[in-house]
N, C-alpha and C. Protein backbone atom coordinates (compact mmCIF):
# COMPACT_ATOMS: atom_id res chain seq x y z
N MET A 1 40.53 -39.07 95.71
CA MET A 1 40.05 -39.24 97.07
C MET A 1 39.13 -40.44 97.15
N GLY A 2 39.30 -41.22 98.17
CA GLY A 2 38.47 -42.39 98.36
C GLY A 2 37.17 -42.03 99.06
N GLN A 3 36.31 -42.99 99.13
CA GLN A 3 35.04 -42.77 99.79
C GLN A 3 35.24 -42.80 101.30
N MET A 4 34.60 -41.84 101.98
CA MET A 4 34.75 -41.75 103.43
C MET A 4 33.81 -42.74 104.12
N ARG A 5 34.33 -43.44 105.11
CA ARG A 5 33.53 -44.39 105.86
C ARG A 5 32.51 -43.67 106.73
N LYS A 6 31.45 -44.39 107.05
CA LYS A 6 30.46 -43.86 107.98
C LYS A 6 31.04 -43.90 109.37
N ARG A 7 30.86 -42.82 110.12
CA ARG A 7 31.38 -42.77 111.48
C ARG A 7 30.35 -43.24 112.49
N HIS A 8 29.08 -43.04 112.17
CA HIS A 8 28.01 -43.38 113.12
C HIS A 8 26.95 -44.22 112.43
N ALA A 9 26.26 -45.00 113.22
CA ALA A 9 25.12 -45.75 112.69
C ALA A 9 23.99 -44.76 112.42
N ALA A 10 23.07 -45.15 111.57
CA ALA A 10 21.96 -44.26 111.22
C ALA A 10 21.16 -43.91 112.47
N GLY A 11 20.94 -42.63 112.71
CA GLY A 11 20.17 -42.16 113.84
C GLY A 11 20.94 -42.05 115.14
N ALA A 12 22.22 -42.40 115.15
CA ALA A 12 23.00 -42.38 116.39
C ALA A 12 23.54 -40.98 116.70
N PHE A 13 23.76 -40.15 115.68
CA PHE A 13 24.35 -38.83 115.88
C PHE A 13 23.36 -37.78 115.42
N LYS A 14 23.09 -36.79 116.28
CA LYS A 14 22.15 -35.73 115.93
C LYS A 14 22.92 -34.44 115.76
N THR A 15 22.78 -33.80 114.62
CA THR A 15 23.52 -32.58 114.33
C THR A 15 22.76 -31.36 114.85
N HIS A 16 23.49 -30.27 115.08
CA HIS A 16 22.87 -29.02 115.50
C HIS A 16 22.57 -28.13 114.29
N ILE A 17 22.89 -28.63 113.11
CA ILE A 17 22.68 -27.88 111.87
C ILE A 17 21.67 -28.63 111.01
N LYS A 18 20.74 -27.88 110.40
CA LYS A 18 19.74 -28.48 109.53
C LYS A 18 19.80 -27.83 108.15
N ARG A 19 19.23 -28.51 107.17
CA ARG A 19 19.18 -27.99 105.82
C ARG A 19 18.39 -26.67 105.80
N GLY A 20 18.92 -25.65 105.13
CA GLY A 20 18.25 -24.36 105.05
C GLY A 20 18.76 -23.34 106.05
N ASP A 21 19.56 -23.77 107.04
CA ASP A 21 20.12 -22.83 108.03
C ASP A 21 21.16 -21.93 107.39
N GLN A 22 21.25 -20.70 107.89
CA GLN A 22 22.35 -19.80 107.53
C GLN A 22 23.47 -20.10 108.52
N VAL A 23 24.69 -20.33 108.01
CA VAL A 23 25.81 -20.67 108.87
C VAL A 23 27.01 -19.80 108.53
N VAL A 24 27.95 -19.74 109.49
CA VAL A 24 29.24 -19.08 109.27
C VAL A 24 30.32 -20.14 109.46
N VAL A 25 31.36 -20.07 108.62
CA VAL A 25 32.45 -21.05 108.69
C VAL A 25 33.47 -20.58 109.72
N LEU A 26 33.80 -21.46 110.67
CA LEU A 26 34.74 -21.12 111.74
C LEU A 26 36.18 -21.42 111.35
N ALA A 27 36.41 -22.45 110.54
CA ALA A 27 37.77 -22.84 110.18
C ALA A 27 37.76 -23.56 108.86
N GLY A 28 38.91 -23.51 108.18
CA GLY A 28 39.08 -24.28 106.97
C GLY A 28 39.49 -23.44 105.79
N LYS A 29 40.13 -24.09 104.83
CA LYS A 29 40.42 -23.42 103.57
C LYS A 29 40.16 -24.39 102.44
N ASN A 30 39.82 -23.85 101.28
CA ASN A 30 39.49 -24.71 100.16
C ASN A 30 40.75 -25.14 99.42
N SER A 31 40.59 -25.95 98.41
CA SER A 31 41.74 -26.52 97.71
C SER A 31 42.56 -25.47 96.97
N GLY A 32 41.97 -24.33 96.64
CA GLY A 32 42.71 -23.27 95.96
C GLY A 32 43.61 -22.48 96.89
N GLY A 33 43.54 -22.74 98.19
CA GLY A 33 44.38 -22.06 99.16
C GLY A 33 43.72 -20.85 99.80
N ALA A 34 42.55 -20.43 99.29
CA ALA A 34 41.86 -19.28 99.86
C ALA A 34 41.16 -19.69 101.15
N LEU A 35 41.15 -18.80 102.13
CA LEU A 35 40.51 -19.11 103.41
C LEU A 35 38.99 -19.06 103.27
N ASP A 36 38.33 -20.03 103.86
CA ASP A 36 36.87 -20.05 103.94
C ASP A 36 36.38 -19.50 105.27
N ARG A 37 37.30 -19.29 106.23
CA ARG A 37 36.91 -18.81 107.55
C ARG A 37 36.21 -17.46 107.44
N GLY A 38 35.05 -17.35 108.11
CA GLY A 38 34.28 -16.12 108.09
C GLY A 38 33.24 -16.06 106.98
N GLU A 39 33.28 -17.00 106.03
CA GLU A 39 32.30 -17.03 104.95
C GLU A 39 30.94 -17.41 105.50
N ARG A 40 29.90 -16.88 104.89
CA ARG A 40 28.53 -17.20 105.29
C ARG A 40 27.82 -17.86 104.12
N GLY A 41 26.89 -18.74 104.42
CA GLY A 41 26.15 -19.41 103.36
C GLY A 41 24.99 -20.21 103.92
N ARG A 42 24.19 -20.73 103.00
CA ARG A 42 23.02 -21.54 103.37
C ARG A 42 23.38 -23.01 103.21
N VAL A 43 22.93 -23.82 104.17
CA VAL A 43 23.21 -25.26 104.14
C VAL A 43 22.32 -25.90 103.07
N ILE A 44 22.96 -26.63 102.15
CA ILE A 44 22.23 -27.30 101.08
C ILE A 44 21.82 -28.70 101.52
N SER A 45 22.76 -29.43 102.15
CA SER A 45 22.44 -30.78 102.62
C SER A 45 23.32 -31.11 103.82
N VAL A 46 22.84 -32.06 104.63
CA VAL A 46 23.56 -32.50 105.84
C VAL A 46 23.63 -34.02 105.81
N ASP A 47 24.82 -34.56 106.12
CA ASP A 47 25.01 -36.01 106.24
C ASP A 47 25.41 -36.31 107.68
N PRO A 48 24.46 -36.65 108.55
CA PRO A 48 24.77 -36.85 109.96
C PRO A 48 25.66 -38.06 110.22
N GLN A 49 25.62 -39.07 109.36
CA GLN A 49 26.46 -40.25 109.57
C GLN A 49 27.93 -39.92 109.39
N ARG A 50 28.24 -39.01 108.48
CA ARG A 50 29.63 -38.63 108.24
C ARG A 50 29.99 -37.30 108.90
N GLU A 51 29.03 -36.69 109.60
CA GLU A 51 29.20 -35.41 110.30
C GLU A 51 29.65 -34.31 109.34
N ARG A 52 29.02 -34.23 108.18
CA ARG A 52 29.41 -33.25 107.17
C ARG A 52 28.19 -32.55 106.61
N ALA A 53 28.41 -31.31 106.13
CA ALA A 53 27.35 -30.54 105.51
C ALA A 53 27.89 -29.85 104.27
N VAL A 54 27.03 -29.65 103.28
CA VAL A 54 27.40 -28.91 102.08
C VAL A 54 26.80 -27.52 102.21
N VAL A 55 27.67 -26.49 102.12
CA VAL A 55 27.24 -25.11 102.27
C VAL A 55 27.43 -24.40 100.94
N GLU A 56 26.41 -23.63 100.55
CA GLU A 56 26.41 -22.92 99.28
C GLU A 56 27.55 -21.92 99.19
N GLY A 57 28.41 -22.05 98.19
CA GLY A 57 29.48 -21.10 97.95
C GLY A 57 30.69 -21.23 98.86
N VAL A 58 30.76 -22.29 99.65
CA VAL A 58 31.87 -22.48 100.59
C VAL A 58 32.54 -23.81 100.29
N ASN A 59 33.86 -23.89 100.47
CA ASN A 59 34.64 -25.10 100.26
C ASN A 59 34.47 -25.60 98.82
N LEU A 60 34.68 -24.70 97.87
CA LEU A 60 34.50 -25.03 96.46
C LEU A 60 35.65 -25.88 95.95
N ALA A 61 35.31 -26.95 95.24
CA ALA A 61 36.29 -27.82 94.62
C ALA A 61 36.10 -27.72 93.12
N THR A 62 37.20 -27.77 92.36
CA THR A 62 37.12 -27.69 90.91
C THR A 62 37.07 -29.10 90.34
N LYS A 63 36.06 -29.34 89.52
CA LYS A 63 35.89 -30.63 88.87
C LYS A 63 36.10 -30.44 87.38
N HIS A 64 36.98 -31.25 86.79
CA HIS A 64 37.23 -31.19 85.35
C HIS A 64 36.30 -32.18 84.68
N GLN A 65 35.44 -31.67 83.79
CA GLN A 65 34.42 -32.52 83.21
C GLN A 65 34.52 -32.51 81.69
N LYS A 66 34.39 -33.69 81.09
CA LYS A 66 34.40 -33.80 79.63
C LYS A 66 33.03 -33.43 79.08
N PRO A 67 32.98 -32.85 77.91
CA PRO A 67 31.66 -32.61 77.30
C PRO A 67 31.03 -33.94 76.91
N GLN A 68 29.74 -34.08 77.16
CA GLN A 68 29.05 -35.33 76.85
C GLN A 68 27.79 -35.03 76.07
N GLN A 69 27.52 -35.87 75.10
CA GLN A 69 26.31 -35.71 74.30
C GLN A 69 25.21 -36.54 74.92
N GLN A 70 24.04 -35.93 75.08
CA GLN A 70 22.90 -36.63 75.68
C GLN A 70 21.83 -36.79 74.61
N GLY A 71 21.37 -37.99 74.40
CA GLY A 71 20.33 -38.23 73.40
C GLY A 71 20.90 -38.23 71.99
N ARG A 72 20.01 -38.10 71.02
CA ARG A 72 20.44 -38.17 69.62
C ARG A 72 20.65 -36.81 69.00
N THR A 73 20.10 -35.78 69.58
CA THR A 73 20.25 -34.46 68.98
C THR A 73 21.54 -33.81 69.44
N ALA A 74 22.16 -33.07 68.56
CA ALA A 74 23.42 -32.40 68.88
C ALA A 74 23.17 -31.21 69.81
N ALA A 75 21.92 -30.72 69.86
CA ALA A 75 21.62 -29.55 70.69
C ALA A 75 21.66 -29.89 72.18
N ALA A 76 21.31 -31.14 72.50
CA ALA A 76 21.31 -31.55 73.91
C ALA A 76 22.69 -32.08 74.27
N GLN A 77 23.61 -31.15 74.54
CA GLN A 77 24.98 -31.53 74.85
C GLN A 77 25.37 -30.90 76.17
N GLN A 78 26.00 -31.70 77.04
CA GLN A 78 26.44 -31.19 78.34
C GLN A 78 27.76 -30.46 78.16
N GLN A 79 27.85 -29.29 78.75
CA GLN A 79 29.03 -28.45 78.65
C GLN A 79 30.21 -29.09 79.36
N GLY A 80 31.39 -28.95 78.79
CA GLY A 80 32.60 -29.47 79.41
C GLY A 80 33.42 -28.33 79.99
N GLY A 81 34.49 -28.67 80.68
CA GLY A 81 35.37 -27.66 81.25
C GLY A 81 35.53 -27.82 82.74
N ARG A 82 35.97 -26.73 83.37
CA ARG A 82 36.17 -26.74 84.82
C ARG A 82 34.91 -26.25 85.51
N ILE A 83 34.39 -27.08 86.40
CA ILE A 83 33.14 -26.76 87.10
C ILE A 83 33.45 -26.63 88.59
N GLU A 84 33.02 -25.53 89.20
CA GLU A 84 33.20 -25.35 90.64
C GLU A 84 32.00 -25.94 91.35
N LYS A 85 32.27 -26.79 92.34
CA LYS A 85 31.22 -27.50 93.05
C LYS A 85 31.49 -27.41 94.55
N ALA A 86 30.45 -27.20 95.34
CA ALA A 86 30.60 -27.12 96.80
C ALA A 86 30.87 -28.52 97.36
N ALA A 87 31.96 -28.66 98.11
CA ALA A 87 32.32 -29.94 98.72
C ALA A 87 31.84 -29.94 100.18
N PRO A 88 31.65 -31.12 100.78
CA PRO A 88 31.22 -31.19 102.18
C PRO A 88 32.27 -30.63 103.12
N ILE A 89 31.81 -30.04 104.22
CA ILE A 89 32.68 -29.50 105.26
C ILE A 89 32.22 -30.10 106.59
N HIS A 90 33.15 -30.33 107.51
CA HIS A 90 32.80 -30.93 108.79
C HIS A 90 31.93 -29.97 109.60
N ILE A 91 30.91 -30.50 110.26
CA ILE A 91 29.96 -29.62 110.95
C ILE A 91 30.54 -28.95 112.19
N SER A 92 31.68 -29.45 112.69
CA SER A 92 32.31 -28.78 113.82
C SER A 92 32.92 -27.44 113.39
N ASN A 93 33.09 -27.25 112.09
CA ASN A 93 33.64 -25.99 111.56
C ASN A 93 32.55 -25.01 111.17
N LEU A 94 31.30 -25.31 111.50
CA LEU A 94 30.17 -24.44 111.16
C LEU A 94 29.45 -23.99 112.41
N GLN A 95 28.93 -22.76 112.38
CA GLN A 95 28.13 -22.26 113.49
C GLN A 95 26.89 -21.59 112.91
N VAL A 96 25.75 -21.82 113.53
CA VAL A 96 24.47 -21.32 113.04
C VAL A 96 24.37 -19.81 113.28
N LEU A 97 23.83 -19.10 112.28
CA LEU A 97 23.55 -17.67 112.44
C LEU A 97 22.10 -17.52 112.89
N CYS A 98 21.89 -16.75 113.94
CA CYS A 98 20.54 -16.52 114.46
C CYS A 98 19.81 -15.58 113.51
N PRO A 99 18.59 -15.92 113.06
CA PRO A 99 17.85 -15.02 112.18
C PRO A 99 17.35 -13.76 112.91
N GLY A 100 17.24 -13.83 114.25
CA GLY A 100 16.75 -12.68 115.00
C GLY A 100 17.82 -11.64 115.26
N CYS A 101 18.93 -12.05 115.88
CA CYS A 101 19.97 -11.09 116.24
C CYS A 101 21.10 -11.03 115.23
N GLY A 102 21.17 -12.01 114.31
CA GLY A 102 22.19 -12.00 113.27
C GLY A 102 23.58 -12.41 113.73
N LYS A 103 23.71 -12.91 114.96
CA LYS A 103 25.01 -13.31 115.50
C LYS A 103 25.21 -14.81 115.31
N PRO A 104 26.47 -15.25 115.14
CA PRO A 104 26.74 -16.69 115.20
C PRO A 104 26.48 -17.17 116.63
N THR A 105 25.80 -18.29 116.77
CA THR A 105 25.40 -18.73 118.09
C THR A 105 25.54 -20.23 118.26
N ARG A 106 25.75 -20.63 119.51
CA ARG A 106 25.63 -22.04 119.84
C ARG A 106 24.14 -22.34 119.93
N VAL A 107 23.80 -23.59 119.78
CA VAL A 107 22.39 -23.97 119.73
C VAL A 107 21.95 -24.49 121.09
N ALA A 108 20.87 -23.91 121.61
CA ALA A 108 20.25 -24.39 122.85
C ALA A 108 19.00 -25.17 122.46
N HIS A 109 18.61 -26.12 123.28
CA HIS A 109 17.39 -26.90 123.02
C HIS A 109 16.38 -26.58 124.12
N ARG A 110 15.19 -26.17 123.71
CA ARG A 110 14.14 -25.76 124.64
C ARG A 110 12.87 -26.56 124.35
N GLU A 111 12.03 -26.69 125.38
CA GLU A 111 10.72 -27.32 125.23
C GLU A 111 9.68 -26.24 124.97
N VAL A 112 9.02 -26.31 123.83
CA VAL A 112 7.95 -25.38 123.50
C VAL A 112 6.75 -26.20 123.05
N GLU A 113 5.66 -26.09 123.80
CA GLU A 113 4.41 -26.81 123.51
C GLU A 113 4.65 -28.32 123.36
N GLY A 114 5.49 -28.87 124.22
CA GLY A 114 5.75 -30.31 124.21
C GLY A 114 6.73 -30.77 123.16
N LYS A 115 7.27 -29.83 122.37
CA LYS A 115 8.24 -30.20 121.34
C LYS A 115 9.58 -29.58 121.67
N SER A 116 10.66 -30.28 121.33
CA SER A 116 12.00 -29.75 121.51
C SER A 116 12.36 -28.90 120.29
N VAL A 117 12.71 -27.64 120.52
CA VAL A 117 13.09 -26.74 119.43
C VAL A 117 14.48 -26.19 119.69
N ARG A 118 15.16 -25.80 118.61
CA ARG A 118 16.48 -25.19 118.73
C ARG A 118 16.30 -23.70 118.98
N ALA A 119 17.14 -23.13 119.85
CA ALA A 119 17.02 -21.71 120.19
C ALA A 119 18.39 -21.06 120.20
N CYS A 120 18.40 -19.73 120.06
CA CYS A 120 19.63 -18.95 120.10
C CYS A 120 20.06 -18.75 121.55
N LYS A 121 21.35 -18.88 121.83
CA LYS A 121 21.86 -18.67 123.19
C LYS A 121 21.86 -17.19 123.58
N HIS A 122 21.88 -16.28 122.58
CA HIS A 122 21.95 -14.85 122.87
C HIS A 122 20.56 -14.24 123.13
N CYS A 123 19.63 -14.47 122.18
CA CYS A 123 18.34 -13.80 122.28
C CYS A 123 17.17 -14.74 122.57
N ASN A 124 17.43 -16.04 122.73
CA ASN A 124 16.42 -17.06 123.02
C ASN A 124 15.34 -17.22 121.94
N GLU A 125 15.58 -16.68 120.76
CA GLU A 125 14.63 -16.85 119.65
C GLU A 125 14.81 -18.24 119.05
N THR A 126 13.71 -18.86 118.59
CA THR A 126 13.81 -20.20 118.03
C THR A 126 14.47 -20.15 116.65
N LEU A 127 15.29 -21.15 116.38
CA LEU A 127 15.98 -21.24 115.09
C LEU A 127 15.20 -22.07 114.09
N ASP A 128 14.28 -22.90 114.57
CA ASP A 128 13.50 -23.75 113.69
C ASP A 128 12.42 -22.93 112.99
N ARG A 129 12.26 -23.20 111.70
CA ARG A 129 11.25 -22.50 110.92
C ARG A 129 9.88 -23.10 111.22
N ALA A 130 8.84 -22.28 111.09
CA ALA A 130 7.48 -22.77 111.29
C ALA A 130 7.12 -23.66 110.11
N GLU A 131 6.67 -24.87 110.38
CA GLU A 131 6.37 -25.83 109.31
C GLU A 131 4.89 -26.05 109.17
């Protein structure tokens, strides 16, 4: 697979998903042929320029890796074999799970104390964590 081009300039596209969100997969299947639809997981990273997110335990790809020796000691050796790694998935195939009601929800944007926060469409609870 080749490298995917950037679709948007930096800061031009704002995603409704952030790192640490619990999400449910709406569509897609992994390379092994198993369906990922309905799977739930935590977002590990988001790439807004490519409109993709990496979700823990979803869209797993198998990487074949050679064993490699690191340093001079034989004890510090990297394990070889088949490694399962989470691949990026398009954010249009993900929906945020509300921590309050537990339902998959579309994201609403509300003004709270002069700041724009993400909120659940069902129960109006904020999705953003207190920082």
